[in-house]
Amino acid sequence: MASSACALADPSRAHFCRDSAAASHLKLVSIGIILVTSAFGISAPVALARVFHGRPAYELALLLIKCFAAGVILSTSLVHVLPDAFAALADCQLASRHPWRDFPFSGFVSLIGALFALLVDFAATSHATEPSAKPGYTPIGSEEAGKAAAIVVEMGCHGVAAVRDEEERLEKLKQRMVSQVLEIGIVFHSVIIGVTMGMSQNRCTIRPLVAALAFHQIFEGMGLGGCIAQAGFSLATVGYMCIMFSVTTPLGIVLGMIIFYLTGYDDSSPNALILEGLLGSLSAGVLVYMALVDLIAVDFFHNKTMSSSPRLKKASYIALVLGSAAMSVLALWA
């Protein structure tokens, strides 16, 4: 089936579409468009969070934005990244070759990505909780236990406040770690998109991609921006993370153009398909884990505000579905 698909390609259309000059012009235009839309997408949630900070509805609005973001990230991984990776490794140029025909590498590398994200998550969480870990077991009735009990009684409300402050510190640290790992996964995906587009000489493929990728970057940026806004980074760190997301895809396009100019590297060659498929699968695994475990599960099962309000839980679920739907619809074009 895959081999016949290669054979059925229309030579006349392929010759018409493969226009390096027209493709280069479209790519230069796309760099500016994608840069602007990426910056707008990631900056909007961050700016809104700073404007409404301290107001009564701030925490609720931030929670809804984060649920929308989780839907965007989950849809990005399952509807955009993973199918593209499967398609690249199932291409007719690889389907008949060993070992690509013998093993489902896309699913396997996605599994590795998810396990890697779990390892990073576990290591970061363990490191963060080490300072607050209990020093050891103190026997009941010992002098040390008596002193500890006296301190607890003396501290009273201050002790409770200290425990609460420590919980908030760990929660904020967790949110920051999630935002950083999430950005790594998204940036990985953006580089793949940019380089693939930069190496392409097919103007028929690039033209519809420009508009589709602009909306893609807006929604993906809103997803990441919502997580950054809740993490409480310093202004400098927020600015750095926003800039990194905004320039990654345009820089990927430039890099792809340079690679093609220097090497004439064909984006549809077997080696390019293997690289695209493996990197896409790894990115998909990381994003699936982050969306389900660190975003959706944390808010829907461990958020005290949501647990105490059935109406908020319903609104959060609707925001999650809307985020997933908005990103899924874009799969019709990109």
Protein backbone atom coordinates (compact mmCIF):
# COMPACT_ATOMS: atom_id res chain seq x y z
CA MET A 1 0.00 0.00 0.00
CA ALA A 2 2.74 2.46 0.98
CA SER A 3 4.88 1.61 -2.04
CA SER A 4 1.96 2.08 -4.41
CA ALA A 5 1.34 5.51 -2.88
CA CYS A 6 4.85 6.54 -3.94
CA ALA A 7 4.28 5.24 -7.41
CA LEU A 8 0.95 7.09 -7.79
CA ALA A 9 2.42 10.57 -7.28
CA ASP A 10 1.50 13.03 -10.09
CA PRO A 11 4.77 14.04 -11.87
CA SER A 12 3.28 17.17 -13.48
CA ARG A 13 1.92 18.49 -10.18
CA ALA A 14 5.17 17.66 -8.40
CA HIS A 15 7.10 19.65 -11.04
CA PHE A 16 4.71 22.61 -10.72
CA CYS A 17 4.84 22.66 -6.92
CA ARG A 18 8.61 22.28 -6.59
CA ASP A 19 9.62 25.92 -7.08
CA SER A 20 12.59 26.96 -4.93
CA ALA A 21 12.21 30.71 -5.54
CA ALA A 22 8.50 30.79 -4.68
CA ALA A 23 9.07 28.49 -1.70
CA SER A 24 11.85 30.75 -0.36
CA HIS A 25 9.60 33.82 -0.65
CA LEU A 26 6.80 32.05 1.24
CA LYS A 27 9.21 30.95 3.95
CA LEU A 28 10.55 34.48 4.47
CA VAL A 29 6.98 35.76 4.81
CA SER A 30 6.14 32.94 7.21
CA ILE A 31 9.07 33.81 9.51
CA GLY A 32 7.57 37.22 10.30
CA ILE A 33 4.01 35.93 10.63
CA ILE A 34 4.92 33.02 12.90
CA LEU A 35 7.20 35.21 15.04
CA VAL A 36 4.37 37.69 15.70
CA THR A 37 1.68 35.06 16.33
CA SER A 38 3.98 33.03 18.61
CA ALA A 39 4.82 36.11 20.67
CA PHE A 40 1.14 37.07 20.93
CA GLY A 41 0.06 33.54 21.91
CA ILE A 42 2.50 33.08 24.76
CA SER A 43 2.42 36.69 26.00
CA ALA A 44 -1.38 37.07 26.23
CA PRO A 45 -1.96 34.73 29.25
CA VAL A 46 1.12 36.09 31.04
CA ALA A 47 0.04 39.71 30.51
CA LEU A 48 -3.55 39.01 31.60
CA ALA A 49 -2.31 37.24 34.72
CA ARG A 50 -0.19 40.24 35.72
CA VAL A 51 -3.01 42.72 35.01
CA PHE A 52 -5.59 40.83 37.07
CA HIS A 53 -3.21 39.71 39.84
CA GLY A 54 -4.73 40.27 43.28
CA ARG A 55 -8.31 40.59 42.06
CA PRO A 56 -11.04 38.25 43.40
CA ALA A 57 -11.41 36.20 40.21
CA TYR A 58 -7.66 35.96 39.53
CA GLU A 59 -7.09 32.42 40.82
CA LEU A 60 -10.24 31.08 39.12
CA ALA A 61 -9.35 32.68 35.79
CA LEU A 62 -5.81 31.33 36.01
CA LEU A 63 -7.14 27.83 36.70
CA LEU A 64 -9.44 27.97 33.66
CA ILE A 65 -6.59 29.22 31.47
CA LYS A 66 -4.41 26.36 32.70
CA CYS A 67 -7.15 23.78 31.92
CA PHE A 68 -7.52 25.25 28.42
CA ALA A 69 -3.73 25.02 28.12
CA ALA A 70 -3.76 21.36 29.16
CA GLY A 71 -6.28 20.60 26.40
CA VAL A 72 -4.09 22.38 23.85
CA ILE A 73 -0.96 20.48 24.91
CA LEU A 74 -2.74 17.10 24.96
CA SER A 75 -4.22 17.69 21.50
CA THR A 76 -0.86 18.89 20.18
CA SER A 77 0.80 15.64 21.22
CA LEU A 78 -1.91 13.19 20.14
CA VAL A 79 -3.43 14.90 17.08
CA HIS A 80 -0.43 16.75 15.60
CA VAL A 81 2.95 15.44 16.73
CA LEU A 82 2.39 11.69 17.11
CA PRO A 83 0.47 11.13 13.82
CA ASP A 84 3.17 13.05 11.92
CA ALA A 85 5.84 10.88 13.53
CA PHE A 86 3.93 7.70 12.63
CA ALA A 87 3.48 8.94 9.05
CA ALA A 88 7.19 9.75 8.69
CA LEU A 89 8.35 6.30 9.85
CA ALA A 90 5.60 4.53 7.86
CA ASP A 91 6.53 6.31 4.62
CA CYS A 92 6.86 4.09 1.57
CA GLN A 93 10.63 4.76 1.50
CA LEU A 94 10.99 3.19 4.96
CA ALA A 95 8.10 0.70 5.11
CA SER A 96 10.04 -1.92 3.16
CA ARG A 97 13.36 -1.42 4.94
CA HIS A 98 14.79 -3.17 7.98
CA PRO A 99 14.35 -2.45 10.89
CA TRP A 100 11.59 0.13 10.29
CA ARG A 101 9.17 -2.44 8.86
CA ASP A 102 9.69 -4.86 11.77
CA PHE A 103 9.01 -2.75 14.85
CA PRO A 104 6.67 0.14 15.84
CA PHE A 105 9.41 2.65 16.58
CA SER A 106 7.03 5.64 16.87
CA GLY A 107 5.15 4.13 19.80
CA PHE A 108 8.34 2.81 21.39
CA VAL A 109 10.16 6.16 21.26
CA SER A 110 7.02 7.90 22.58
CA LEU A 111 7.12 5.48 25.50
CA ILE A 112 10.76 6.42 26.10
CA GLY A 113 9.77 10.11 26.05
CA ALA A 114 7.04 9.55 28.64
CA LEU A 115 9.36 7.53 30.90
CA PHE A 116 12.05 10.17 30.54
CA ALA A 117 9.57 12.89 31.56
CA LEU A 118 8.60 10.76 34.57
CA LEU A 119 12.28 10.40 35.53
CA VAL A 120 12.85 14.16 35.32
CA ASP A 121 9.63 14.80 37.26
CA PHE A 122 10.55 12.30 39.96
CA ALA A 123 14.14 13.51 40.29
CA ALA A 124 13.14 17.18 40.49
CA THR A 125 10.38 16.50 43.03
CA SER A 126 12.67 14.37 45.21
CA HIS A 127 15.36 17.04 45.15
CA ALA A 128 12.84 19.76 46.05
CA THR A 129 11.46 17.88 49.04
CA GLU A 130 14.84 16.87 50.50
CA PRO A 131 15.29 20.03 52.64
CA SER A 132 11.87 19.55 54.23
CA ALA A 133 12.29 15.83 54.87
CA LYS A 134 12.17 14.67 58.45
CA PRO A 135 15.64 14.08 59.95
CA GLY A 136 14.76 10.68 61.37
CA TYR A 137 12.72 8.69 63.88
CA THR A 138 12.52 10.02 67.44
CA PRO A 139 11.27 7.51 70.06
CA ILE A 140 8.18 8.57 72.03
CA GLY A 141 9.04 9.50 75.57
CA SER A 142 12.63 10.46 74.83
CA GLU A 143 14.03 13.84 75.77
CA GLU A 144 14.25 14.89 72.11
CA ALA A 145 10.56 14.01 71.58
CA GLY A 146 9.60 16.05 74.63
CA LYS A 147 11.51 19.07 73.35
CA ALA A 148 9.94 18.71 69.91
CA ALA A 149 6.45 18.53 71.41
CA ALA A 150 7.12 21.61 73.51
CA ILE A 151 8.29 23.50 70.43
CA VAL A 152 5.17 22.51 68.48
CA VAL A 153 2.88 23.62 71.33
CA GLU A 154 4.78 26.88 71.69
CA MET A 155 4.63 27.60 67.95
CA GLY A 156 0.85 27.06 67.74
CA CYS A 157 -0.61 28.89 64.76
CA HIS A 158 2.86 29.91 63.63
CA GLY A 159 3.73 26.24 63.19
CA VAL A 160 0.65 25.67 61.04
CA ALA A 161 1.53 28.73 58.98
CA ALA A 162 5.06 27.46 58.50
CA VAL A 163 3.78 24.09 57.27
CA ARG A 164 1.38 25.85 54.91
CA ASP A 165 4.17 28.07 53.59
CA GLU A 166 6.32 25.02 52.96
CA GLU A 167 3.49 23.32 51.04
CA GLU A 168 3.00 26.44 48.92
CA ARG A 169 6.74 26.62 48.25
CA LEU A 170 6.84 23.01 47.07
CA GLU A 171 3.73 23.52 44.94
CA LYS A 172 5.22 26.61 43.29
CA LEU A 173 8.50 24.77 42.72
CA LYS A 174 6.57 21.94 41.09
CA GLN A 175 4.71 24.36 38.82
CA ARG A 176 7.97 25.97 37.73
CA MET A 177 9.54 22.61 36.95
CA VAL A 178 6.46 21.60 34.94
CA SER A 179 6.58 24.84 32.93
CA GLN A 180 10.27 24.41 32.14
CA VAL A 181 10.00 20.75 31.07
CA LEU A 182 6.87 21.59 29.08
CA GLU A 183 8.68 24.35 27.23
CA ILE A 184 11.52 21.97 26.40
CA GLY A 185 9.05 19.51 24.86
CA ILE A 186 7.23 22.25 22.91
CA VAL A 187 10.47 23.87 21.72
CA PHE A 188 11.64 20.45 20.54
CA HIS A 189 8.45 20.14 18.50
CA SER A 190 8.74 23.70 17.16
CA VAL A 191 12.30 23.11 15.95
CA ILE A 192 11.14 20.02 14.03
CA ILE A 193 8.30 21.99 12.41
CA GLY A 194 10.60 24.87 11.49
CA VAL A 195 13.46 22.80 10.06
CA THR A 196 11.06 20.61 8.05
CA MET A 197 9.37 23.67 6.58
CA GLY A 198 12.71 25.39 5.93
CA MET A 199 14.06 22.43 3.94
CA SER A 200 10.88 22.01 1.89
CA GLN A 201 10.88 23.34 -1.68
CA ASN A 202 7.21 22.49 -2.26
CA ARG A 203 5.26 25.76 -2.48
CA CYS A 204 1.93 23.88 -2.62
CA THR A 205 2.68 22.45 0.83
CA ILE A 206 4.12 25.61 2.36
CA ARG A 207 1.32 28.03 1.36
CA PRO A 208 -1.49 26.49 3.48
CA LEU A 209 0.99 25.75 6.26
CA VAL A 210 1.73 29.44 6.87
CA ALA A 211 -1.80 30.29 8.04
CA ALA A 212 -2.26 26.96 9.83
CA LEU A 213 1.03 27.29 11.73
CA ALA A 214 0.16 30.86 12.74
CA PHE A 215 -2.97 29.62 14.55
CA HIS A 216 -1.05 26.58 15.77
CA GLN A 217 1.53 28.81 17.46
CA ILE A 218 -1.16 31.04 18.99
CA PHE A 219 -2.92 28.14 20.72
CA GLU A 220 0.28 26.34 21.68
CA GLY A 221 1.68 29.60 23.02
CA MET A 222 -1.48 30.17 25.07
CA GLY A 223 -1.07 26.69 26.51
CA LEU A 224 2.50 27.27 27.58
CA GLY A 225 1.81 30.87 28.65
CA GLY A 226 -0.98 29.73 30.98
CA CYS A 227 1.42 27.39 32.76
CA ILE A 228 4.15 30.06 32.97
CA ALA A 229 1.68 32.58 34.41
CA GLN A 230 0.73 30.23 37.25
CA ALA A 231 4.32 29.28 38.06
CA GLY A 232 5.21 32.75 39.42
CA PHE A 233 8.57 33.21 37.71
CA SER A 234 10.52 36.45 37.92
CA LEU A 235 9.94 38.99 35.14
CA ALA A 236 13.33 38.22 33.57
CA THR A 237 12.66 34.46 33.48
CA VAL A 238 9.17 34.99 32.02
CA GLY A 239 10.63 37.22 29.33
CA TYR A 240 13.33 34.67 28.49
CA MET A 241 10.82 31.80 28.23
CA CYS A 242 8.47 33.87 26.04
CA ILE A 243 11.30 34.89 23.72
CA MET A 244 12.56 31.30 23.46
CA PHE A 245 9.15 30.03 22.38
CA SER A 246 8.57 32.94 19.98
CA VAL A 247 11.82 32.59 18.04
CA THR A 248 12.20 28.80 17.98
CA THR A 249 10.03 28.03 14.94
CA PRO A 250 11.32 31.01 12.87
CA LEU A 251 14.91 30.03 13.73
CA GLY A 252 14.07 26.45 12.76
CA ILE A 253 12.86 27.68 9.36
CA VAL A 254 16.08 29.66 8.85
CA LEU A 255 18.14 26.63 9.92
CA GLY A 256 16.24 24.40 7.48
CA MET A 257 16.87 26.88 4.65
CA ILE A 258 20.60 27.00 5.48
CA ILE A 259 20.83 23.20 5.61
CA PHE A 260 19.16 22.90 2.19
CA TYR A 261 21.34 25.67 0.72
CA LEU A 262 24.60 24.11 1.98
CA THR A 263 23.82 20.44 1.38
CA GLY A 264 20.81 20.24 -0.93
CA TYR A 265 19.35 17.92 1.71
CA ASP A 266 15.97 16.59 0.63
CA ASP A 267 13.30 16.85 3.32
CA SER A 268 11.62 13.75 1.88
CA SER A 269 14.76 11.58 1.95
CA PRO A 270 14.78 8.44 4.13
CA ASN A 271 17.28 9.93 6.61
CA ALA A 272 15.19 13.09 7.02
CA LEU A 273 12.05 11.01 7.57
CA ILE A 274 13.80 8.89 10.21
CA LEU A 275 15.04 11.96 12.07
CA GLU A 276 11.63 13.65 11.91
CA GLY A 277 9.83 10.50 13.05
CA LEU A 278 12.11 9.74 16.00
CA LEU A 279 12.31 13.31 17.32
CA GLY A 280 8.56 13.78 16.87
CA SER A 281 7.82 10.55 18.74
CA LEU A 282 10.08 11.56 21.63
CA SER A 283 8.46 14.99 21.83
CA ALA A 284 4.96 13.43 21.74
CA GLY A 285 5.76 11.13 24.67
CA VAL A 286 7.01 14.02 26.80
CA LEU A 287 3.98 16.18 25.99
CA VAL A 288 1.45 13.39 26.66
CA TYR A 289 2.97 12.75 30.09
CA MET A 290 3.11 16.44 30.98
CA ALA A 291 -0.48 17.09 29.87
CA LEU A 292 -2.04 14.10 31.65
CA VAL A 293 0.07 13.85 34.81
CA ASP A 294 1.39 17.34 35.60
CA LEU A 295 -1.50 19.42 34.27
CA ILE A 296 -4.81 17.55 34.13
CA ALA A 297 -4.33 15.13 37.05
CA VAL A 298 -2.91 17.82 39.35
CA ASP A 299 -5.82 20.21 38.83
CA PHE A 300 -8.71 17.77 38.61
CA PHE A 301 -7.68 15.46 41.46
CA HIS A 302 -5.40 17.46 43.77
CA ASN A 303 -6.66 21.04 43.55
CA LYS A 304 -8.57 21.94 46.75
CA THR A 305 -10.36 24.88 45.14
CA MET A 306 -11.74 22.73 42.34
CA SER A 307 -12.68 19.86 44.69
CA SER A 308 -14.84 22.17 46.81
CA SER A 309 -16.74 23.64 43.86
CA PRO A 310 -18.67 21.35 41.44
CA ARG A 311 -19.46 24.34 39.23
CA LEU A 312 -15.76 25.21 38.91
CA LYS A 313 -14.96 21.58 38.11
CA LYS A 314 -17.51 21.62 35.27
CA ALA A 315 -16.19 24.93 33.95
CA SER A 316 -12.62 23.59 34.07
CA TYR A 317 -13.64 20.47 32.15
CA ILE A 318 -15.34 22.62 29.50
CA ALA A 319 -12.15 24.72 29.22
CA LEU A 320 -10.14 21.51 28.81
CA VAL A 321 -12.45 20.28 26.03
CA LEU A 322 -12.41 23.67 24.28
CA GLY A 323 -8.61 23.71 24.31
CA SER A 324 -8.47 20.20 22.88
CA ALA A 325 -11.08 21.00 20.23
CA ALA A 326 -9.44 24.26 19.15
CA MET A 327 -6.10 22.56 18.56
CA SER A 328 -7.64 19.46 16.98
CA VAL A 329 -9.51 21.49 14.35
CA LEU A 330 -6.18 22.87 13.11
CA ALA A 331 -5.18 19.33 12.12
CA LEU A 332 -7.38 19.83 9.04
CA TRP A 333 -4.71 22.20 7.66
CA ALA A 334 -1.50 21.42 9.55
